[in-house]
Amino acid sequence: MQSLNKIPTIALAILLAISIVVSLMFFFGGDVDPNAEYPEPNFTGSLLNWGYILFVLTAVVTIILAIAGFIIRLGSDFRSAIISICGISAVILLLLITYFSADVTPYANLSEDTDHSELSMRLTNMCVVSSFILAGIVTLVTLLGFLVKRIK
């Protein structure tokens, strides 16, 4: 059982080491054209790809652990399992609502070679609006928790 507890620590250390290497490559790897008005680092693509990998890895692990937690709780505590599935359903509902209500109008300040597809604009708007809503919820819950603690 002791070795099972070391797996997350080892995974965190590996991900942190790769992140540090990619960051150092980005900041100290030079520029594509040093004489350009806005210099572009050589390893911009590597940094973005690493960010995408971390995002997808986080999403996949979160989904797998949520499903596993639901299955484990289903056998022992049915009410807790229903509450966890309601939380997951609320996040999915939030994403669906923000996706279908997203504005697909391209921004005027985007360059000509930027992808203006409806899907990319809708997904970007969905992520931004969802982030604002979730940040607002976290702020409200924090304030309410503080107030309830003060009242008791």
N, C-alpha and C. Protein backbone atom coordinates (compact mmCIF):
# COMPACT_ATOMS: atom_id res chain seq x y z
N MET A 1 0.82 -1.19 0.00
CA MET A 1 0.00 0.00 0.00
C MET A 1 0.87 1.25 0.00
N GLN A 2 2.04 1.18 0.60
CA GLN A 2 2.96 2.32 0.66
C GLN A 2 3.38 2.75 -0.74
N SER A 3 3.63 1.80 -1.63
CA SER A 3 4.07 2.16 -2.98
C SER A 3 2.94 2.80 -3.77
N LEU A 4 1.69 2.47 -3.45
CA LEU A 4 0.55 3.07 -4.11
C LEU A 4 0.44 4.55 -3.78
N ASN A 5 0.84 4.94 -2.58
CA ASN A 5 0.81 6.33 -2.17
C ASN A 5 1.92 7.15 -2.84
N LYS A 6 2.97 6.50 -3.33
CA LYS A 6 4.07 7.20 -3.97
C LYS A 6 3.78 7.54 -5.43
N ILE A 7 2.81 6.88 -6.04
CA ILE A 7 2.52 7.10 -7.46
C ILE A 7 2.12 8.54 -7.76
N PRO A 8 1.18 9.16 -7.00
CA PRO A 8 0.85 10.56 -7.29
C PRO A 8 2.04 11.50 -7.11
N THR A 9 2.87 11.24 -6.11
CA THR A 9 4.04 12.08 -5.88
C THR A 9 5.02 11.97 -7.03
N ILE A 10 5.25 10.77 -7.53
CA ILE A 10 6.15 10.57 -8.66
C ILE A 10 5.58 11.20 -9.92
N ALA A 11 4.27 11.03 -10.16
CA ALA A 11 3.64 11.63 -11.34
C ALA A 11 3.72 13.15 -11.28
N LEU A 12 3.49 13.73 -10.11
CA LEU A 12 3.59 15.18 -9.95
C LEU A 12 5.01 15.66 -10.22
N ALA A 13 6.00 14.93 -9.71
CA ALA A 13 7.39 15.33 -9.93
C ALA A 13 7.76 15.26 -11.42
N ILE A 14 7.30 14.24 -12.11
CA ILE A 14 7.59 14.11 -13.55
C ILE A 14 6.93 15.24 -14.33
N LEU A 15 5.65 15.51 -14.05
CA LEU A 15 4.95 16.59 -14.76
C LEU A 15 5.57 17.95 -14.46
N LEU A 16 5.98 18.16 -13.22
CA LEU A 16 6.63 19.41 -12.85
C LEU A 16 7.97 19.56 -13.56
N ALA A 17 8.75 18.49 -13.63
CA ALA A 17 10.05 18.55 -14.31
C ALA A 17 9.87 18.86 -15.80
N ILE A 18 8.91 18.21 -16.45
CA ILE A 18 8.67 18.48 -17.86
C ILE A 18 8.20 19.92 -18.05
N SER A 19 7.35 20.40 -17.17
CA SER A 19 6.87 21.78 -17.25
C SER A 19 8.01 22.78 -17.11
N ILE A 20 8.91 22.51 -16.19
CA ILE A 20 10.06 23.41 -16.01
C ILE A 20 10.94 23.40 -17.25
N VAL A 21 11.21 22.23 -17.82
CA VAL A 21 12.05 22.15 -19.03
C VAL A 21 11.40 22.89 -20.18
N VAL A 22 10.11 22.68 -20.39
CA VAL A 22 9.40 23.35 -21.50
C VAL A 22 9.38 24.86 -21.28
N SER A 23 9.18 25.29 -20.04
CA SER A 23 9.19 26.73 -19.74
C SER A 23 10.57 27.34 -19.99
N LEU A 24 11.61 26.65 -19.57
CA LEU A 24 12.96 27.16 -19.81
C LEU A 24 13.28 27.21 -21.30
N MET A 25 12.82 26.20 -22.04
CA MET A 25 13.01 26.24 -23.50
C MET A 25 12.29 27.44 -24.10
N PHE A 26 11.10 27.72 -23.63
CA PHE A 26 10.33 28.85 -24.15
C PHE A 26 11.01 30.18 -23.85
N PHE A 27 11.43 30.38 -22.61
CA PHE A 27 11.98 31.68 -22.22
C PHE A 27 13.41 31.89 -22.69
N PHE A 28 14.22 30.85 -22.76
CA PHE A 28 15.62 31.02 -23.09
C PHE A 28 16.03 30.39 -24.41
N GLY A 29 15.07 29.94 -25.23
CA GLY A 29 15.37 29.26 -26.48
C GLY A 29 15.58 30.17 -27.67
N GLY A 30 15.54 31.46 -27.46
CA GLY A 30 15.75 32.38 -28.57
C GLY A 30 14.44 32.69 -29.29
N ASP A 31 14.57 33.53 -30.33
CA ASP A 31 13.41 33.96 -31.09
C ASP A 31 13.51 33.48 -32.53
N VAL A 32 12.34 33.36 -33.17
CA VAL A 32 12.30 32.97 -34.58
C VAL A 32 12.99 34.04 -35.42
N ASP A 33 12.62 35.30 -35.20
CA ASP A 33 13.23 36.43 -35.90
C ASP A 33 13.52 37.51 -34.86
N PRO A 34 14.77 37.63 -34.41
CA PRO A 34 15.09 38.59 -33.35
C PRO A 34 14.83 40.05 -33.76
N ASN A 35 14.79 40.32 -35.06
CA ASN A 35 14.62 41.69 -35.54
C ASN A 35 13.15 42.06 -35.75
N ALA A 36 12.24 41.15 -35.48
CA ALA A 36 10.82 41.41 -35.70
C ALA A 36 10.30 42.40 -34.66
N GLU A 37 9.22 43.10 -35.02
CA GLU A 37 8.63 44.07 -34.10
C GLU A 37 8.12 43.39 -32.84
N TYR A 38 7.49 42.23 -33.00
CA TYR A 38 7.02 41.42 -31.87
C TYR A 38 7.71 40.07 -31.95
N PRO A 39 8.81 39.89 -31.21
CA PRO A 39 9.55 38.63 -31.31
C PRO A 39 8.72 37.43 -30.85
N GLU A 40 8.85 36.33 -31.60
CA GLU A 40 8.15 35.09 -31.27
C GLU A 40 9.18 34.07 -30.81
N PRO A 41 9.04 33.57 -29.57
CA PRO A 41 9.99 32.56 -29.10
C PRO A 41 9.96 31.30 -29.96
N ASN A 42 11.10 30.63 -30.08
CA ASN A 42 11.22 29.42 -30.89
C ASN A 42 10.30 28.30 -30.43
N PHE A 43 10.09 28.18 -29.15
CA PHE A 43 9.37 27.03 -28.61
C PHE A 43 7.95 27.38 -28.15
N THR A 44 7.32 28.33 -28.83
CA THR A 44 5.94 28.69 -28.51
C THR A 44 5.01 27.50 -28.72
N GLY A 45 5.18 26.80 -29.84
CA GLY A 45 4.36 25.63 -30.13
C GLY A 45 4.51 24.55 -29.09
N SER A 46 5.73 24.32 -28.63
CA SER A 46 5.96 23.30 -27.60
C SER A 46 5.26 23.66 -26.30
N LEU A 47 5.32 24.94 -25.93
CA LEU A 47 4.66 25.37 -24.70
C LEU A 47 3.15 25.24 -24.81
N LEU A 48 2.59 25.62 -25.94
CA LEU A 48 1.15 25.48 -26.14
C LEU A 48 0.73 24.01 -26.15
N ASN A 49 1.49 23.18 -26.84
CA ASN A 49 1.17 21.75 -26.88
C ASN A 49 1.23 21.13 -25.49
N TRP A 50 2.21 21.52 -24.69
CA TRP A 50 2.32 20.99 -23.33
C TRP A 50 1.12 21.45 -22.50
N GLY A 51 0.69 22.69 -22.70
CA GLY A 51 -0.51 23.17 -22.01
C GLY A 51 -1.74 22.38 -22.41
N TYR A 52 -1.88 22.08 -23.70
CA TYR A 52 -3.00 21.26 -24.17
C TYR A 52 -2.95 19.86 -23.56
N ILE A 53 -1.77 19.28 -23.52
CA ILE A 53 -1.61 17.94 -22.95
C ILE A 53 -2.02 17.94 -21.47
N LEU A 54 -1.57 18.94 -20.72
CA LEU A 54 -1.93 19.01 -19.31
C LEU A 54 -3.43 19.21 -19.12
N PHE A 55 -4.04 20.03 -19.98
CA PHE A 55 -5.48 20.26 -19.89
C PHE A 55 -6.25 18.97 -20.15
N VAL A 56 -5.91 18.27 -21.23
CA VAL A 56 -6.61 17.03 -21.57
C VAL A 56 -6.39 15.97 -20.50
N LEU A 57 -5.16 15.85 -20.01
CA LEU A 57 -4.86 14.90 -18.96
C LEU A 57 -5.68 15.19 -17.71
N THR A 58 -5.78 16.45 -17.35
CA THR A 58 -6.58 16.84 -16.19
C THR A 58 -8.06 16.50 -16.39
N ALA A 59 -8.57 16.81 -17.57
CA ALA A 59 -9.98 16.52 -17.86
C ALA A 59 -10.26 15.02 -17.81
N VAL A 60 -9.40 14.23 -18.42
CA VAL A 60 -9.60 12.78 -18.46
C VAL A 60 -9.53 12.18 -17.06
N VAL A 61 -8.53 12.58 -16.29
CA VAL A 61 -8.39 12.05 -14.92
C VAL A 61 -9.58 12.46 -14.07
N THR A 62 -10.04 13.70 -14.23
CA THR A 62 -11.20 14.17 -13.46
C THR A 62 -12.45 13.36 -13.79
N ILE A 63 -12.68 13.12 -15.07
CA ILE A 63 -13.86 12.36 -15.48
C ILE A 63 -13.77 10.92 -14.98
N ILE A 64 -12.61 10.30 -15.13
CA ILE A 64 -12.45 8.92 -14.68
C ILE A 64 -12.65 8.81 -13.17
N LEU A 65 -12.07 9.73 -12.41
CA LEU A 65 -12.22 9.67 -10.96
C LEU A 65 -13.65 9.98 -10.52
N ALA A 66 -14.33 10.87 -11.23
CA ALA A 66 -15.74 11.15 -10.90
C ALA A 66 -16.60 9.92 -11.14
N ILE A 67 -16.39 9.24 -12.24
CA ILE A 67 -17.16 8.03 -12.54
C ILE A 67 -16.83 6.93 -11.54
N ALA A 68 -15.54 6.77 -11.22
CA ALA A 68 -15.13 5.74 -10.25
C ALA A 68 -15.72 6.05 -8.88
N GLY A 69 -15.69 7.32 -8.47
CA GLY A 69 -16.28 7.69 -7.18
C GLY A 69 -17.77 7.44 -7.14
N PHE A 70 -18.45 7.70 -8.26
CA PHE A 70 -19.89 7.44 -8.34
C PHE A 70 -20.17 5.95 -8.18
N ILE A 71 -19.39 5.13 -8.88
CA ILE A 71 -19.60 3.67 -8.82
C ILE A 71 -19.32 3.14 -7.42
N ILE A 72 -18.27 3.63 -6.79
CA ILE A 72 -17.92 3.18 -5.44
C ILE A 72 -19.00 3.59 -4.44
N ARG A 73 -19.46 4.84 -4.55
CA ARG A 73 -20.49 5.33 -3.62
C ARG A 73 -21.85 4.70 -3.87
N LEU A 74 -22.10 4.27 -5.09
CA LEU A 74 -23.40 3.71 -5.43
C LEU A 74 -23.71 2.49 -4.57
N GLY A 75 -22.68 1.68 -4.30
CA GLY A 75 -22.88 0.48 -3.49
C GLY A 75 -22.99 0.77 -2.01
N SER A 76 -22.30 1.79 -1.52
CA SER A 76 -22.27 2.02 -0.07
C SER A 76 -23.20 3.13 0.39
N ASP A 77 -23.25 4.25 -0.35
CA ASP A 77 -24.05 5.39 0.08
C ASP A 77 -24.78 5.96 -1.13
N PHE A 78 -26.01 5.53 -1.33
CA PHE A 78 -26.77 5.89 -2.53
C PHE A 78 -27.02 7.40 -2.60
N ARG A 79 -27.33 8.02 -1.49
CA ARG A 79 -27.59 9.47 -1.47
C ARG A 79 -26.36 10.26 -1.90
N SER A 80 -25.21 9.89 -1.41
CA SER A 80 -23.96 10.57 -1.78
C SER A 80 -23.67 10.38 -3.26
N ALA A 81 -23.98 9.21 -3.79
CA ALA A 81 -23.77 8.95 -5.21
C ALA A 81 -24.67 9.83 -6.06
N ILE A 82 -25.90 10.00 -5.65
CA ILE A 82 -26.84 10.85 -6.39
C ILE A 82 -26.38 12.30 -6.33
N ILE A 83 -25.89 12.76 -5.19
CA ILE A 83 -25.40 14.13 -5.06
C ILE A 83 -24.21 14.36 -5.99
N SER A 84 -23.29 13.39 -6.07
CA SER A 84 -22.13 13.56 -6.93
C SER A 84 -22.53 13.56 -8.41
N ILE A 85 -23.50 12.74 -8.79
CA ILE A 85 -23.94 12.73 -10.19
C ILE A 85 -24.70 14.02 -10.51
N CYS A 86 -25.36 14.61 -9.52
CA CYS A 86 -26.03 15.90 -9.74
C CYS A 86 -24.98 17.01 -9.96
N GLY A 87 -23.89 16.97 -9.26
CA GLY A 87 -22.82 17.95 -9.46
C GLY A 87 -22.21 17.85 -10.85
N ILE A 88 -21.95 16.64 -11.28
CA ILE A 88 -21.41 16.42 -12.62
C ILE A 88 -22.41 16.88 -13.68
N SER A 89 -23.68 16.56 -13.46
CA SER A 89 -24.73 16.97 -14.39
C SER A 89 -24.85 18.49 -14.45
N ALA A 90 -24.68 19.17 -13.32
CA ALA A 90 -24.76 20.63 -13.30
C ALA A 90 -23.64 21.26 -14.12
N VAL A 91 -22.44 20.71 -14.03
CA VAL A 91 -21.32 21.24 -14.83
C VAL A 91 -21.57 20.99 -16.31
N ILE A 92 -22.05 19.81 -16.66
CA ILE A 92 -22.35 19.51 -18.07
C ILE A 92 -23.46 20.43 -18.58
N LEU A 93 -24.47 20.67 -17.75
CA LEU A 93 -25.57 21.57 -18.14
C LEU A 93 -25.06 23.00 -18.34
N LEU A 94 -24.17 23.45 -17.45
CA LEU A 94 -23.57 24.78 -17.60
C LEU A 94 -22.81 24.89 -18.91
N LEU A 95 -22.02 23.87 -19.24
CA LEU A 95 -21.26 23.90 -20.49
C LEU A 95 -22.18 23.88 -21.70
N LEU A 96 -23.24 23.10 -21.65
CA LEU A 96 -24.18 23.07 -22.77
C LEU A 96 -24.90 24.41 -22.95
N ILE A 97 -25.33 25.01 -21.85
CA ILE A 97 -26.01 26.30 -21.94
C ILE A 97 -25.08 27.37 -22.49
N THR A 98 -23.85 27.43 -21.99
CA THR A 98 -22.92 28.45 -22.48
C THR A 98 -22.49 28.16 -23.91
N TYR A 99 -22.45 26.89 -24.31
CA TYR A 99 -22.10 26.57 -25.70
C TYR A 99 -23.18 27.07 -26.66
N PHE A 100 -24.42 26.78 -26.34
CA PHE A 100 -25.50 27.15 -27.26
C PHE A 100 -25.85 28.64 -27.20
N SER A 101 -25.47 29.32 -26.14
CA SER A 101 -25.73 30.76 -26.06
C SER A 101 -24.50 31.59 -26.43
N ALA A 102 -23.45 30.95 -26.88
CA ALA A 102 -22.20 31.65 -27.19
C ALA A 102 -22.34 32.54 -28.42
N ASP A 103 -21.64 33.65 -28.37
CA ASP A 103 -21.61 34.60 -29.48
C ASP A 103 -20.54 34.14 -30.47
N VAL A 104 -20.90 34.06 -31.75
CA VAL A 104 -19.95 33.58 -32.76
C VAL A 104 -19.47 34.71 -33.66
N THR A 105 -19.68 35.96 -33.26
CA THR A 105 -19.21 37.10 -34.03
C THR A 105 -17.70 37.22 -33.87
N PRO A 106 -16.94 37.23 -34.97
CA PRO A 106 -15.48 37.37 -34.85
C PRO A 106 -15.11 38.76 -34.31
N TYR A 107 -14.05 38.81 -33.56
CA TYR A 107 -13.57 40.07 -33.02
C TYR A 107 -12.87 40.86 -34.10
N ALA A 108 -13.00 42.17 -34.07
CA ALA A 108 -12.44 43.02 -35.11
C ALA A 108 -10.92 43.08 -35.05
N ASN A 109 -10.33 42.88 -33.88
CA ASN A 109 -8.89 43.03 -33.76
C ASN A 109 -8.11 41.75 -34.07
N LEU A 110 -8.78 40.69 -34.49
CA LEU A 110 -8.07 39.47 -34.86
C LEU A 110 -7.43 39.66 -36.23
N SER A 111 -6.28 39.07 -36.41
CA SER A 111 -5.59 39.21 -37.70
C SER A 111 -6.31 38.40 -38.77
N GLU A 112 -5.94 38.64 -40.00
CA GLU A 112 -6.61 37.99 -41.13
C GLU A 112 -6.37 36.48 -41.16
N ASP A 113 -5.21 36.04 -40.68
CA ASP A 113 -4.89 34.62 -40.75
C ASP A 113 -5.38 33.84 -39.53
N THR A 114 -6.12 34.48 -38.65
CA THR A 114 -6.66 33.80 -37.48
C THR A 114 -7.89 33.00 -37.88
N ASP A 115 -8.03 31.83 -37.27
CA ASP A 115 -9.18 30.97 -37.57
C ASP A 115 -10.46 31.60 -37.02
N HIS A 116 -11.38 31.92 -37.91
CA HIS A 116 -12.65 32.52 -37.51
C HIS A 116 -13.80 31.53 -37.61
N SER A 117 -13.54 30.25 -37.50
CA SER A 117 -14.61 29.28 -37.66
C SER A 117 -15.62 29.43 -36.53
N GLU A 118 -16.85 29.08 -36.83
CA GLU A 118 -17.93 29.21 -35.85
C GLU A 118 -17.65 28.33 -34.63
N LEU A 119 -17.12 27.13 -34.86
CA LEU A 119 -16.84 26.22 -33.75
C LEU A 119 -15.80 26.79 -32.80
N SER A 120 -14.70 27.32 -33.36
CA SER A 120 -13.65 27.85 -32.48
C SER A 120 -14.13 29.08 -31.71
N MET A 121 -14.92 29.94 -32.36
CA MET A 121 -15.45 31.11 -31.67
C MET A 121 -16.44 30.69 -30.58
N ARG A 122 -17.27 29.70 -30.88
CA ARG A 122 -18.27 29.23 -29.91
C ARG A 122 -17.58 28.57 -28.71
N LEU A 123 -16.57 27.73 -28.95
CA LEU A 123 -15.86 27.06 -27.86
C LEU A 123 -15.10 28.06 -27.00
N THR A 124 -14.48 29.04 -27.64
CA THR A 124 -13.75 30.06 -26.88
C THR A 124 -14.69 30.85 -26.00
N ASN A 125 -15.81 31.28 -26.56
CA ASN A 125 -16.79 32.03 -25.78
C ASN A 125 -17.36 31.16 -24.66
N MET A 126 -17.62 29.88 -24.94
CA MET A 126 -18.14 28.97 -23.93
C MET A 126 -17.17 28.87 -22.76
N CYS A 127 -15.90 28.70 -23.05
CA CYS A 127 -14.90 28.56 -21.98
C CYS A 127 -14.79 29.83 -21.15
N VAL A 128 -14.79 30.99 -21.80
CA VAL A 128 -14.66 32.25 -21.07
C VAL A 128 -15.88 32.49 -20.18
N VAL A 129 -17.07 32.34 -20.74
CA VAL A 129 -18.29 32.58 -19.96
C VAL A 129 -18.41 31.55 -18.82
N SER A 130 -18.11 30.29 -19.10
CA SER A 130 -18.17 29.27 -18.05
C SER A 130 -17.18 29.58 -16.93
N SER A 131 -15.99 30.04 -17.30
CA SER A 131 -14.99 30.40 -16.28
C SER A 131 -15.49 31.54 -15.41
N PHE A 132 -16.11 32.55 -16.03
CA PHE A 132 -16.65 33.66 -15.24
C PHE A 132 -17.76 33.19 -14.32
N ILE A 133 -18.64 32.36 -14.81
CA ILE A 133 -19.75 31.87 -13.98
C ILE A 133 -19.20 31.03 -12.82
N LEU A 134 -18.27 30.13 -13.10
CA LEU A 134 -17.70 29.31 -12.03
C LEU A 134 -16.92 30.15 -11.03
N ALA A 135 -16.20 31.17 -11.50
CA ALA A 135 -15.48 32.07 -10.58
C ALA A 135 -16.47 32.82 -9.69
N GLY A 136 -17.60 33.23 -10.27
CA GLY A 136 -18.63 33.89 -9.47
C GLY A 136 -19.23 32.97 -8.44
N ILE A 137 -19.47 31.72 -8.82
CA ILE A 137 -20.01 30.74 -7.87
C ILE A 137 -19.03 30.50 -6.73
N VAL A 138 -17.75 30.36 -7.06
CA VAL A 138 -16.74 30.15 -6.02
C VAL A 138 -16.69 31.34 -5.08
N THR A 139 -16.77 32.56 -5.62
CA THR A 139 -16.75 33.76 -4.79
C THR A 139 -17.97 33.79 -3.87
N LEU A 140 -19.16 33.50 -4.41
CA LEU A 140 -20.37 33.50 -3.59
C LEU A 140 -20.31 32.44 -2.49
N VAL A 141 -19.86 31.25 -2.83
CA VAL A 141 -19.78 30.18 -1.83
C VAL A 141 -18.76 30.54 -0.75
N THR A 142 -17.66 31.17 -1.13
CA THR A 142 -16.66 31.58 -0.15
C THR A 142 -17.24 32.63 0.79
N LEU A 143 -17.92 33.63 0.23
CA LEU A 143 -18.51 34.68 1.06
C LEU A 143 -19.61 34.12 1.96
N LEU A 144 -20.47 33.27 1.41
CA LEU A 144 -21.53 32.67 2.21
C LEU A 144 -20.96 31.79 3.32
N GLY A 145 -19.92 31.04 3.01
CA GLY A 145 -19.28 30.20 4.02
C GLY A 145 -18.69 31.04 5.15
N PHE A 146 -18.11 32.18 4.78
CA PHE A 146 -17.56 33.09 5.78
C PHE A 146 -18.66 33.67 6.66
N LEU A 147 -19.77 34.08 6.02
CA LEU A 147 -20.87 34.65 6.77
C LEU A 147 -21.54 33.63 7.69
N VAL A 148 -21.74 32.42 7.19
CA VAL A 148 -22.35 31.37 8.02
C VAL A 148 -21.45 31.06 9.20
N LYS A 149 -20.15 31.04 8.97
CA LYS A 149 -19.20 30.75 10.07
C LYS A 149 -19.24 31.87 11.12
N ARG A 150 -19.39 33.11 10.66
CA ARG A 150 -19.45 34.24 11.58
C ARG A 150 -20.74 34.24 12.41
N ILE A 151 -21.85 33.82 11.76
CA ILE A 151 -23.14 33.82 12.44
C ILE A 151 -23.19 32.75 13.53
N LYS A 152 -22.61 31.58 13.25
CA LYS A 152 -22.62 30.48 14.23
C LYS A 152 -21.81 30.80 15.42
